[in-house]
Amino acid sequence: MATTKTTTASKTKTATKSTASAKKTPAKKDAAKNLNDLFEDSLKDIYWAEKALVKALPKMIKNATNEKLKAAIEKHLAETENQVTRLEDCFKAIGKKAQAKKCDAMQGILDEGDSVIQETEAGTVRDAGIIAASQKVEHYEIATYGTLAAYAKILQESEALKILLQTLEEEKKCDELLTQLADTNLNSKAAKEK
């Protein structure tokens, strides 16, 4: 018992010391001051992300070999183009001009997707990698649209909420489709390649 108490106390001291040595990050001059600001800033972020995705998806289509995967990405490209328009409608709904702000998270995910293409041989293994990269995009989008919908609900932005929920559902369906493609023997074929 005494050893457990000592160990717990030691861990607590270490955690407290780490927290004490960490510094608060000062906010930028244009930092969000309230939930409305954070909501608008997050919309700018995902607007940039969706526009970047419109440019990135054709490369994935070109490098995929599985016809069902190509068709799924082509379908999602069309949806993404509509989502960009929907985000513009969302900005209008909250009385703001549509404006993009670079999304570092999406840039990183897209860069990783490029790396997957470069680091895999064309064929089933690359297709499996493209699915994995695509699902990372989808999971980021699902998290973002879910958060934006929660903000819109709290801010009583009902029109924006409706738009965001529509896109959230599309992102979830795309993720499910990618999982089905991977599970319906694409990953198994990739495992057999030498």
N, C-alpha and C. Protein backbone atom coordinates (compact mmCIF):
# COMPACT_ATOMS: atom_id res chain seq x y z
N MET A 1 0.81 -1.21 0.00
CA MET A 1 0.00 0.00 0.00
C MET A 1 0.84 1.26 0.00
N ALA A 2 1.86 1.31 0.83
CA ALA A 2 2.70 2.51 0.93
C ALA A 2 3.40 2.77 -0.39
N THR A 3 3.83 1.69 -1.09
CA THR A 3 4.51 1.83 -2.37
C THR A 3 3.57 2.44 -3.40
N THR A 4 2.32 1.99 -3.41
CA THR A 4 1.35 2.51 -4.35
C THR A 4 1.11 4.00 -4.12
N LYS A 5 0.98 4.39 -2.85
CA LYS A 5 0.78 5.81 -2.53
C LYS A 5 1.98 6.63 -2.97
N THR A 6 3.19 6.12 -2.73
CA THR A 6 4.40 6.84 -3.10
C THR A 6 4.48 7.00 -4.61
N THR A 7 4.19 5.92 -5.34
CA THR A 7 4.23 5.96 -6.80
C THR A 7 3.21 6.94 -7.34
N THR A 8 2.00 6.91 -6.83
CA THR A 8 0.95 7.83 -7.26
C THR A 8 1.33 9.27 -6.95
N ALA A 9 1.85 9.50 -5.78
CA ALA A 9 2.27 10.85 -5.40
C ALA A 9 3.40 11.33 -6.29
N SER A 10 4.32 10.42 -6.62
CA SER A 10 5.44 10.76 -7.50
C SER A 10 4.95 11.13 -8.89
N LYS A 11 3.99 10.36 -9.42
CA LYS A 11 3.43 10.65 -10.74
C LYS A 11 2.69 11.98 -10.74
N THR A 12 1.97 12.26 -9.66
CA THR A 12 1.24 13.52 -9.56
C THR A 12 2.22 14.69 -9.54
N LYS A 13 3.32 14.57 -8.79
CA LYS A 13 4.33 15.63 -8.74
C LYS A 13 4.93 15.86 -10.13
N THR A 14 5.22 14.76 -10.85
CA THR A 14 5.80 14.88 -12.20
C THR A 14 4.83 15.58 -13.14
N ALA A 15 3.56 15.20 -13.09
CA ALA A 15 2.54 15.82 -13.94
C ALA A 15 2.37 17.29 -13.61
N THR A 16 2.37 17.61 -12.32
CA THR A 16 2.23 19.00 -11.89
C THR A 16 3.42 19.82 -12.35
N LYS A 17 4.62 19.23 -12.25
CA LYS A 17 5.84 19.91 -12.67
C LYS A 17 5.80 20.20 -14.18
N SER A 18 5.35 19.20 -14.98
CA SER A 18 5.25 19.39 -16.44
C SER A 18 4.26 20.49 -16.78
N THR A 19 3.13 20.50 -16.09
CA THR A 19 2.11 21.51 -16.33
C THR A 19 2.63 22.89 -15.94
N ALA A 20 3.35 22.95 -14.84
CA ALA A 20 3.88 24.23 -14.36
C ALA A 20 4.92 24.80 -15.32
N SER A 21 5.71 23.92 -15.95
CA SER A 21 6.74 24.40 -16.86
C SER A 21 6.19 24.76 -18.24
N ALA A 22 5.01 24.28 -18.55
CA ALA A 22 4.38 24.62 -19.83
C ALA A 22 3.91 26.06 -19.79
N LYS A 23 4.06 26.75 -20.90
CA LYS A 23 3.67 28.16 -20.94
C LYS A 23 2.36 28.31 -21.70
N LYS A 24 1.57 29.26 -21.26
CA LYS A 24 0.35 29.58 -21.98
C LYS A 24 0.74 30.24 -23.29
N THR A 25 0.04 29.88 -24.35
CA THR A 25 0.28 30.49 -25.65
C THR A 25 -0.55 31.76 -25.76
N PRO A 26 0.10 32.86 -26.06
CA PRO A 26 -0.69 34.10 -26.23
C PRO A 26 -1.53 34.02 -27.50
N ALA A 27 -2.71 34.58 -27.45
CA ALA A 27 -3.60 34.60 -28.62
C ALA A 27 -3.11 35.62 -29.63
N LYS A 28 -3.34 35.31 -30.90
CA LYS A 28 -3.03 36.27 -31.96
C LYS A 28 -4.00 37.45 -31.86
N LYS A 29 -3.65 38.54 -32.53
CA LYS A 29 -4.49 39.74 -32.48
C LYS A 29 -5.89 39.48 -33.04
N ASP A 30 -5.98 38.62 -34.07
CA ASP A 30 -7.27 38.36 -34.69
C ASP A 30 -7.92 37.06 -34.17
N ALA A 31 -7.53 36.63 -32.98
CA ALA A 31 -8.03 35.38 -32.40
C ALA A 31 -9.54 35.46 -32.14
N ALA A 32 -10.19 34.31 -32.20
CA ALA A 32 -11.62 34.23 -31.92
C ALA A 32 -11.88 34.65 -30.47
N LYS A 33 -12.86 35.51 -30.30
CA LYS A 33 -13.19 36.01 -28.97
C LYS A 33 -14.45 35.35 -28.41
N ASN A 34 -15.24 34.75 -29.31
CA ASN A 34 -16.47 34.09 -28.87
C ASN A 34 -16.79 32.94 -29.82
N LEU A 35 -17.86 32.23 -29.54
CA LEU A 35 -18.20 31.06 -30.35
C LEU A 35 -18.56 31.45 -31.78
N ASN A 36 -19.15 32.61 -31.97
CA ASN A 36 -19.44 33.07 -33.34
C ASN A 36 -18.15 33.19 -34.15
N ASP A 37 -17.14 33.80 -33.53
CA ASP A 37 -15.85 33.96 -34.21
C ASP A 37 -15.23 32.60 -34.51
N LEU A 38 -15.28 31.69 -33.55
CA LEU A 38 -14.71 30.35 -33.74
C LEU A 38 -15.45 29.60 -34.84
N PHE A 39 -16.76 29.73 -34.87
CA PHE A 39 -17.59 29.11 -35.90
C PHE A 39 -17.19 29.62 -37.28
N GLU A 40 -17.10 30.94 -37.43
CA GLU A 40 -16.74 31.53 -38.71
C GLU A 40 -15.33 31.11 -39.12
N ASP A 41 -14.41 31.12 -38.18
CA ASP A 41 -13.03 30.73 -38.47
C ASP A 41 -12.96 29.26 -38.92
N SER A 42 -13.74 28.41 -38.27
CA SER A 42 -13.77 26.99 -38.63
C SER A 42 -14.40 26.77 -40.00
N LEU A 43 -15.38 27.58 -40.34
CA LEU A 43 -15.97 27.52 -41.68
C LEU A 43 -14.94 27.88 -42.74
N LYS A 44 -14.14 28.90 -42.47
CA LYS A 44 -13.09 29.31 -43.41
C LYS A 44 -12.09 28.17 -43.62
N ASP A 45 -11.79 27.49 -42.55
CA ASP A 45 -10.84 26.38 -42.55
C ASP A 45 -11.35 25.22 -43.43
N ILE A 46 -12.58 24.80 -43.22
CA ILE A 46 -13.12 23.67 -43.97
C ILE A 46 -13.42 24.08 -45.42
N TYR A 47 -13.71 25.34 -45.64
CA TYR A 47 -13.92 25.84 -47.00
C TYR A 47 -12.63 25.69 -47.80
N TRP A 48 -11.50 26.07 -47.19
CA TRP A 48 -10.21 25.88 -47.85
C TRP A 48 -9.96 24.39 -48.08
N ALA A 49 -10.26 23.58 -47.06
CA ALA A 49 -10.02 22.14 -47.14
C ALA A 49 -10.80 21.50 -48.28
N GLU A 50 -12.06 21.86 -48.41
CA GLU A 50 -12.89 21.27 -49.47
C GLU A 50 -12.39 21.71 -50.85
N LYS A 51 -11.99 22.97 -50.98
CA LYS A 51 -11.47 23.44 -52.26
C LYS A 51 -10.16 22.74 -52.61
N ALA A 52 -9.32 22.49 -51.62
CA ALA A 52 -8.07 21.77 -51.85
C ALA A 52 -8.35 20.33 -52.23
N LEU A 53 -9.38 19.76 -51.64
CA LEU A 53 -9.76 18.37 -51.96
C LEU A 53 -10.25 18.25 -53.39
N VAL A 54 -10.97 19.25 -53.87
CA VAL A 54 -11.43 19.25 -55.27
C VAL A 54 -10.22 19.15 -56.22
N LYS A 55 -9.13 19.78 -55.84
CA LYS A 55 -7.91 19.73 -56.66
C LYS A 55 -7.16 18.41 -56.50
N ALA A 56 -7.24 17.80 -55.32
CA ALA A 56 -6.46 16.59 -55.02
C ALA A 56 -7.13 15.29 -55.50
N LEU A 57 -8.43 15.24 -55.49
CA LEU A 57 -9.13 13.99 -55.83
C LEU A 57 -8.84 13.47 -57.24
N PRO A 58 -8.72 14.32 -58.26
CA PRO A 58 -8.41 13.78 -59.59
C PRO A 58 -7.10 12.98 -59.63
N LYS A 59 -6.12 13.37 -58.84
CA LYS A 59 -4.86 12.62 -58.78
C LYS A 59 -5.09 11.23 -58.19
N MET A 60 -5.95 11.15 -57.18
CA MET A 60 -6.27 9.84 -56.59
C MET A 60 -6.99 8.96 -57.61
N ILE A 61 -7.93 9.57 -58.34
CA ILE A 61 -8.66 8.81 -59.36
C ILE A 61 -7.69 8.26 -60.39
N LYS A 62 -6.78 9.10 -60.85
CA LYS A 62 -5.82 8.71 -61.88
C LYS A 62 -4.90 7.58 -61.41
N ASN A 63 -4.57 7.55 -60.13
CA ASN A 63 -3.63 6.56 -59.60
C ASN A 63 -4.29 5.31 -59.06
N ALA A 64 -5.60 5.31 -58.91
CA ALA A 64 -6.31 4.11 -58.48
C ALA A 64 -6.46 3.16 -59.66
N THR A 65 -6.46 1.86 -59.38
CA THR A 65 -6.65 0.89 -60.45
C THR A 65 -7.98 0.15 -60.34
N ASN A 66 -8.50 0.03 -59.13
CA ASN A 66 -9.77 -0.66 -58.90
C ASN A 66 -10.90 0.23 -59.42
N GLU A 67 -11.72 -0.32 -60.31
CA GLU A 67 -12.78 0.47 -60.94
C GLU A 67 -13.82 0.96 -59.93
N LYS A 68 -14.14 0.15 -58.93
CA LYS A 68 -15.11 0.57 -57.92
C LYS A 68 -14.54 1.70 -57.07
N LEU A 69 -13.25 1.64 -56.80
CA LEU A 69 -12.60 2.71 -56.04
C LEU A 69 -12.60 4.00 -56.85
N LYS A 70 -12.24 3.89 -58.14
CA LYS A 70 -12.26 5.08 -59.00
C LYS A 70 -13.65 5.71 -59.02
N ALA A 71 -14.68 4.85 -59.17
CA ALA A 71 -16.06 5.35 -59.22
C ALA A 71 -16.44 6.03 -57.90
N ALA A 72 -16.01 5.46 -56.79
CA ALA A 72 -16.32 6.04 -55.47
C ALA A 72 -15.67 7.42 -55.32
N ILE A 73 -14.42 7.53 -55.77
CA ILE A 73 -13.72 8.81 -55.65
C ILE A 73 -14.32 9.83 -56.61
N GLU A 74 -14.70 9.39 -57.82
CA GLU A 74 -15.35 10.30 -58.77
C GLU A 74 -16.67 10.82 -58.19
N LYS A 75 -17.42 9.93 -57.56
CA LYS A 75 -18.69 10.33 -56.94
C LYS A 75 -18.41 11.35 -55.83
N HIS A 76 -17.38 11.08 -55.04
CA HIS A 76 -17.09 12.00 -53.94
C HIS A 76 -16.55 13.33 -54.44
N LEU A 77 -15.87 13.32 -55.57
CA LEU A 77 -15.42 14.58 -56.17
C LEU A 77 -16.63 15.46 -56.50
N ALA A 78 -17.65 14.87 -57.11
CA ALA A 78 -18.87 15.62 -57.44
C ALA A 78 -19.55 16.12 -56.17
N GLU A 79 -19.59 15.28 -55.14
CA GLU A 79 -20.17 15.70 -53.85
C GLU A 79 -19.37 16.85 -53.25
N THR A 80 -18.05 16.75 -53.34
CA THR A 80 -17.18 17.77 -52.76
C THR A 80 -17.38 19.11 -53.46
N GLU A 81 -17.54 19.08 -54.77
CA GLU A 81 -17.83 20.32 -55.50
C GLU A 81 -19.14 20.93 -55.00
N ASN A 82 -20.14 20.10 -54.74
CA ASN A 82 -21.41 20.58 -54.19
C ASN A 82 -21.22 21.09 -52.76
N GLN A 83 -20.34 20.44 -52.01
CA GLN A 83 -20.09 20.86 -50.63
C GLN A 83 -19.44 22.23 -50.57
N VAL A 84 -18.59 22.53 -51.54
CA VAL A 84 -17.98 23.87 -51.62
C VAL A 84 -19.09 24.90 -51.80
N THR A 85 -20.01 24.62 -52.72
CA THR A 85 -21.14 25.53 -52.96
C THR A 85 -22.00 25.64 -51.70
N ARG A 86 -22.22 24.52 -51.04
CA ARG A 86 -23.02 24.53 -49.82
C ARG A 86 -22.37 25.37 -48.72
N LEU A 87 -21.04 25.28 -48.63
CA LEU A 87 -20.35 26.11 -47.64
C LEU A 87 -20.52 27.59 -47.95
N GLU A 88 -20.51 27.93 -49.24
CA GLU A 88 -20.78 29.32 -49.63
C GLU A 88 -22.19 29.73 -49.18
N ASP A 89 -23.13 28.82 -49.30
CA ASP A 89 -24.49 29.07 -48.82
C ASP A 89 -24.51 29.23 -47.29
N CYS A 90 -23.68 28.47 -46.65
CA CYS A 90 -23.58 28.52 -45.18
C CYS A 90 -23.06 29.89 -44.74
N PHE A 91 -22.04 30.37 -45.43
CA PHE A 91 -21.53 31.71 -45.13
C PHE A 91 -22.65 32.75 -45.31
N LYS A 92 -23.39 32.63 -46.42
CA LYS A 92 -24.50 33.57 -46.67
C LYS A 92 -25.52 33.50 -45.55
N ALA A 93 -25.80 32.28 -45.09
CA ALA A 93 -26.81 32.08 -44.05
C ALA A 93 -26.44 32.79 -42.74
N ILE A 94 -25.14 32.93 -42.49
CA ILE A 94 -24.73 33.62 -41.26
C ILE A 94 -24.35 35.08 -41.53
N GLY A 95 -24.60 35.52 -42.77
CA GLY A 95 -24.36 36.91 -43.11
C GLY A 95 -22.90 37.27 -43.32
N LYS A 96 -22.10 36.30 -43.75
CA LYS A 96 -20.67 36.55 -43.96
C LYS A 96 -20.29 36.20 -45.39
N LYS A 97 -19.20 36.83 -45.86
CA LYS A 97 -18.67 36.53 -47.18
C LYS A 97 -17.86 35.23 -47.10
N ALA A 98 -18.03 34.35 -48.08
CA ALA A 98 -17.25 33.11 -48.12
C ALA A 98 -15.78 33.44 -48.26
N GLN A 99 -15.00 32.90 -47.37
CA GLN A 99 -13.57 33.18 -47.36
C GLN A 99 -12.84 31.92 -46.90
N ALA A 100 -11.77 31.58 -47.60
CA ALA A 100 -10.98 30.40 -47.24
C ALA A 100 -9.76 30.81 -46.42
N LYS A 101 -9.42 29.96 -45.45
CA LYS A 101 -8.22 30.15 -44.65
C LYS A 101 -7.49 28.81 -44.64
N LYS A 102 -6.22 28.80 -44.98
CA LYS A 102 -5.50 27.55 -45.12
C LYS A 102 -5.70 26.64 -43.92
N CYS A 103 -6.05 25.40 -44.23
CA CYS A 103 -6.27 24.37 -43.22
C CYS A 103 -5.01 23.51 -43.15
N ASP A 104 -4.21 23.72 -42.13
CA ASP A 104 -2.96 22.97 -41.98
C ASP A 104 -3.21 21.47 -41.84
N ALA A 105 -4.29 21.11 -41.15
CA ALA A 105 -4.60 19.69 -40.96
C ALA A 105 -4.88 19.01 -42.30
N MET A 106 -5.72 19.61 -43.12
CA MET A 106 -6.04 19.01 -44.43
C MET A 106 -4.81 19.01 -45.31
N GLN A 107 -4.00 20.06 -45.26
CA GLN A 107 -2.78 20.08 -46.06
C GLN A 107 -1.89 18.90 -45.69
N GLY A 108 -1.78 18.63 -44.41
CA GLY A 108 -0.97 17.49 -43.96
C GLY A 108 -1.53 16.16 -44.42
N ILE A 109 -2.84 16.02 -44.34
CA ILE A 109 -3.48 14.77 -44.79
C ILE A 109 -3.30 14.59 -46.29
N LEU A 110 -3.46 15.66 -47.06
CA LEU A 110 -3.28 15.57 -48.51
C LEU A 110 -1.82 15.28 -48.88
N ASP A 111 -0.89 15.88 -48.15
CA ASP A 111 0.53 15.58 -48.38
C ASP A 111 0.83 14.11 -48.09
N GLU A 112 0.23 13.60 -47.04
CA GLU A 112 0.40 12.18 -46.72
C GLU A 112 -0.19 11.30 -47.82
N GLY A 113 -1.32 11.71 -48.36
CA GLY A 113 -1.92 10.97 -49.48
C GLY A 113 -1.00 10.93 -50.69
N ASP A 114 -0.36 12.06 -50.99
CA ASP A 114 0.63 12.09 -52.08
C ASP A 114 1.77 11.12 -51.79
N SER A 115 2.23 11.09 -50.55
CA SER A 115 3.31 10.18 -50.17
C SER A 115 2.91 8.72 -50.37
N VAL A 116 1.68 8.40 -50.02
CA VAL A 116 1.19 7.02 -50.19
C VAL A 116 1.27 6.63 -51.66
N ILE A 117 0.87 7.52 -52.54
CA ILE A 117 0.91 7.23 -53.98
C ILE A 117 2.35 7.02 -54.44
N GLN A 118 3.25 7.86 -53.98
CA GLN A 118 4.65 7.77 -54.38
C GLN A 118 5.36 6.55 -53.79
N GLU A 119 4.90 6.10 -52.63
CA GLU A 119 5.60 5.04 -51.91
C GLU A 119 4.97 3.66 -52.10
N THR A 120 4.05 3.53 -53.05
CA THR A 120 3.43 2.23 -53.33
C THR A 120 3.45 1.96 -54.82
N GLU A 121 3.58 0.68 -55.15
CA GLU A 121 3.50 0.27 -56.55
C GLU A 121 2.06 0.39 -57.02
N ALA A 122 1.87 0.75 -58.28
CA ALA A 122 0.53 0.81 -58.85
C ALA A 122 -0.11 -0.56 -58.74
N GLY A 123 -1.38 -0.58 -58.38
CA GLY A 123 -2.11 -1.83 -58.24
C GLY A 123 -2.87 -1.87 -56.92
N THR A 124 -3.11 -3.08 -56.46
CA THR A 124 -3.96 -3.28 -55.28
C THR A 124 -3.38 -2.66 -54.02
N VAL A 125 -2.05 -2.72 -53.86
CA VAL A 125 -1.44 -2.14 -52.66
C VAL A 125 -1.64 -0.63 -52.66
N ARG A 126 -1.43 0.01 -53.80
CA ARG A 126 -1.66 1.46 -53.88
C ARG A 126 -3.14 1.76 -53.63
N ASP A 127 -4.03 0.95 -54.19
CA ASP A 127 -5.46 1.16 -53.97
C ASP A 127 -5.78 1.11 -52.48
N ALA A 128 -5.20 0.14 -51.76
CA ALA A 128 -5.42 0.04 -50.31
C ALA A 128 -4.90 1.30 -49.62
N GLY A 129 -3.75 1.80 -50.06
CA GLY A 129 -3.20 3.03 -49.51
C GLY A 129 -4.07 4.25 -49.80
N ILE A 130 -4.63 4.29 -51.01
CA ILE A 130 -5.52 5.40 -51.39
C ILE A 130 -6.78 5.38 -50.52
N ILE A 131 -7.29 4.18 -50.26
CA ILE A 131 -8.46 4.07 -49.38
C ILE A 131 -8.11 4.59 -47.99
N ALA A 132 -6.97 4.18 -47.47
CA ALA A 132 -6.56 4.62 -46.13
C ALA A 132 -6.41 6.14 -46.08
N ALA A 133 -5.76 6.71 -47.10
CA ALA A 133 -5.58 8.16 -47.15
C ALA A 133 -6.93 8.87 -47.27
N SER A 134 -7.81 8.30 -48.08
CA SER A 134 -9.14 8.90 -48.26
C SER A 134 -9.95 8.86 -46.97
N GLN A 135 -9.81 7.77 -46.23
CA GLN A 135 -10.56 7.68 -44.98
C GLN A 135 -10.03 8.66 -43.94
N LYS A 136 -8.75 8.96 -43.98
CA LYS A 136 -8.22 9.99 -43.08
C LYS A 136 -8.87 11.33 -43.40
N VAL A 137 -9.03 11.60 -44.68
CA VAL A 137 -9.72 12.84 -45.10
C VAL A 137 -11.15 12.82 -44.56
N GLU A 138 -11.84 11.71 -44.79
CA GLU A 138 -13.24 11.60 -44.36
C GLU A 138 -13.38 11.77 -42.85
N HIS A 139 -12.50 11.15 -42.10
CA HIS A 139 -12.60 11.23 -40.64
C HIS A 139 -12.36 12.66 -40.16
N TYR A 140 -11.44 13.36 -40.79
CA TYR A 140 -11.22 14.76 -40.45
C TYR A 140 -12.48 15.58 -40.77
N GLU A 141 -13.04 15.33 -41.94
CA GLU A 141 -14.24 16.07 -42.33
C GLU A 141 -15.42 15.75 -41.42
N ILE A 142 -15.58 14.48 -41.06
CA ILE A 142 -16.67 14.10 -40.16
C ILE A 142 -16.52 14.83 -38.83
N ALA A 143 -15.31 14.85 -38.29
CA ALA A 143 -15.07 15.56 -37.03
C ALA A 143 -15.37 17.05 -37.17
N THR A 144 -14.93 17.64 -38.26
CA THR A 144 -15.11 19.07 -38.48
C THR A 144 -16.58 19.43 -38.66
N TYR A 145 -17.28 18.71 -39.54
CA TYR A 145 -18.69 19.02 -39.77
C TYR A 145 -19.54 18.74 -38.54
N GLY A 146 -19.18 17.72 -37.77
CA GLY A 146 -19.90 17.45 -36.53
C GLY A 146 -19.74 18.60 -35.54
N THR A 147 -18.52 19.10 -35.42
CA THR A 147 -18.25 20.23 -34.53
C THR A 147 -18.97 21.49 -35.01
N LEU A 148 -18.88 21.76 -36.32
CA LEU A 148 -19.56 22.94 -36.87
C LEU A 148 -21.08 22.87 -36.67
N ALA A 149 -21.64 21.67 -36.82
CA ALA A 149 -23.08 21.51 -36.60
C ALA A 149 -23.43 21.78 -35.14
N ALA A 150 -22.59 21.33 -34.23
CA ALA A 150 -22.82 21.60 -32.81
C ALA A 150 -22.77 23.10 -32.53
N TYR A 151 -21.80 23.78 -33.12
CA TYR A 151 -21.72 25.25 -32.95
C TYR A 151 -22.96 25.92 -33.52
N ALA A 152 -23.35 25.52 -34.74
CA ALA A 152 -24.51 26.13 -35.39
C ALA A 152 -25.77 25.94 -34.54
N LYS A 153 -25.90 24.78 -33.93
CA LYS A 153 -27.06 24.50 -33.08
C LYS A 153 -27.08 25.44 -31.88
N ILE A 154 -25.94 25.55 -31.20
CA ILE A 154 -25.85 26.42 -30.02
C ILE A 154 -26.08 27.88 -30.41
N LEU A 155 -25.56 28.28 -31.56
CA LEU A 155 -25.69 29.67 -32.02
C LEU A 155 -27.05 29.95 -32.67
N GLN A 156 -27.88 28.92 -32.74
CA GLN A 156 -29.22 29.01 -33.33
C GLN A 156 -29.17 29.47 -34.79
N GLU A 157 -28.19 28.95 -35.50
CA GLU A 157 -28.04 29.20 -36.94
C GLU A 157 -28.68 28.01 -37.67
N SER A 158 -30.02 27.99 -37.69
CA SER A 158 -30.76 26.82 -38.18
C SER A 158 -30.50 26.51 -39.65
N GLU A 159 -30.39 27.53 -40.49
CA GLU A 159 -30.13 27.29 -41.91
C GLU A 159 -28.73 26.70 -42.10
N ALA A 160 -27.75 27.26 -41.42
CA ALA A 160 -26.39 26.74 -41.49
C ALA A 160 -26.35 25.30 -40.95
N LEU A 161 -27.05 25.05 -39.86
CA LEU A 161 -27.10 23.71 -39.27
C LEU A 161 -27.62 22.69 -40.28
N LYS A 162 -28.68 23.02 -40.96
CA LYS A 162 -29.27 22.12 -41.96
C LYS A 162 -28.25 21.79 -43.05
N ILE A 163 -27.55 22.80 -43.52
CA ILE A 163 -26.54 22.62 -44.57
C ILE A 163 -25.40 21.73 -44.07
N LEU A 164 -24.92 22.02 -42.88
CA LEU A 164 -23.79 21.27 -42.31
C LEU A 164 -24.15 19.81 -42.06
N LEU A 165 -25.36 19.55 -41.59
CA LEU A 165 -25.79 18.18 -41.33
C LEU A 165 -25.91 17.37 -42.63
N GLN A 166 -26.34 18.03 -43.70
CA GLN A 166 -26.43 17.36 -45.00
C GLN A 166 -25.04 16.90 -45.45
N THR A 167 -24.06 17.77 -45.32
CA THR A 167 -22.70 17.42 -45.70
C THR A 167 -22.13 16.36 -44.77
N LEU A 168 -22.40 16.47 -43.49
CA LEU A 168 -21.92 15.47 -42.53
C LEU A 168 -22.40 14.07 -42.92
N GLU A 169 -23.65 13.95 -43.31
CA GLU A 169 -24.20 12.65 -43.72
C GLU A 169 -23.49 12.12 -44.97
N GLU A 170 -23.20 13.00 -45.93
CA GLU A 170 -22.47 12.57 -47.13
C GLU A 170 -21.08 12.05 -46.77
N GLU A 171 -20.42 12.74 -45.85
CA GLU A 171 -19.06 12.32 -45.45
C GLU A 171 -19.11 10.95 -44.77
N LYS A 172 -20.10 10.73 -43.94
CA LYS A 172 -20.23 9.43 -43.26
C LYS A 172 -20.50 8.32 -44.28
N LYS A 173 -21.35 8.58 -45.26
CA LYS A 173 -21.66 7.58 -46.28
C LYS A 173 -20.43 7.26 -47.12
N CYS A 174 -19.65 8.27 -47.45
CA CYS A 174 -18.42 8.05 -48.22
C CYS A 174 -17.46 7.18 -47.43
N ASP A 175 -17.31 7.46 -46.14
CA ASP A 175 -16.44 6.66 -45.29
C ASP A 175 -16.90 5.20 -45.25
N GLU A 176 -18.20 4.99 -45.13
CA GLU A 176 -18.75 3.63 -45.11
C GLU A 176 -18.46 2.91 -46.43
N LEU A 177 -18.62 3.61 -47.54
CA LEU A 177 -18.35 3.03 -48.85
C LEU A 177 -16.88 2.63 -48.97
N LEU A 178 -15.99 3.49 -48.52
CA LEU A 178 -14.55 3.17 -48.57
C LEU A 178 -14.24 1.94 -47.71
N THR A 179 -14.87 1.85 -46.56
CA THR A 179 -14.68 0.67 -45.70
C THR A 179 -15.15 -0.59 -46.41
N GLN A 180 -16.31 -0.52 -47.06
CA GLN A 180 -16.83 -1.67 -47.81
C GLN A 180 -15.87 -2.08 -48.92
N LEU A 181 -15.34 -1.10 -49.64
CA LEU A 181 -14.40 -1.41 -50.72
C LEU A 181 -13.15 -2.11 -50.18
N ALA A 182 -12.65 -1.62 -49.07
CA ALA A 182 -11.46 -2.23 -48.47
C ALA A 182 -11.78 -3.64 -47.98
N ASP A 183 -12.94 -3.80 -47.36
CA ASP A 183 -13.32 -5.09 -46.79
C ASP A 183 -13.70 -6.14 -47.84
N THR A 184 -14.20 -5.71 -48.98
CA THR A 184 -14.63 -6.68 -49.99
C THR A 184 -13.43 -7.10 -50.83
N ASN A 185 -12.53 -7.73 -50.21
CA ASN A 185 -11.31 -8.40 -50.67
C ASN A 185 -10.21 -7.54 -51.27
N LEU A 186 -10.37 -6.22 -51.31
CA LEU A 186 -9.27 -5.38 -51.81
C LEU A 186 -8.06 -5.48 -50.88
N ASN A 187 -8.29 -5.36 -49.57
CA ASN A 187 -7.18 -5.48 -48.62
C ASN A 187 -6.60 -6.89 -48.64
N SER A 188 -7.44 -7.89 -48.80
CA SER A 188 -6.96 -9.28 -48.88
C SER A 188 -6.06 -9.49 -50.09
N LYS A 189 -6.47 -8.91 -51.23
CA LYS A 189 -5.62 -9.01 -52.44
C LYS A 189 -4.30 -8.30 -52.23
N ALA A 190 -4.34 -7.14 -51.58
CA ALA A 190 -3.10 -6.39 -51.32
C ALA A 190 -2.16 -7.18 -50.41
N ALA A 191 -2.73 -7.95 -49.47
CA ALA A 191 -1.91 -8.75 -48.56
C ALA A 191 -1.19 -9.87 -49.30
N LYS A 192 -1.75 -10.34 -50.40
CA LYS A 192 -1.17 -11.46 -51.15
C LYS A 192 -0.10 -11.00 -52.15
N GLU A 193 -0.06 -9.69 -52.45
CA GLU A 193 0.93 -9.21 -53.40
C GLU A 193 2.33 -9.27 -52.79
N LYS A 194 3.29 -9.64 -53.61
CA LYS A 194 4.67 -9.78 -53.11
C LYS A 194 5.57 -8.75 -53.72
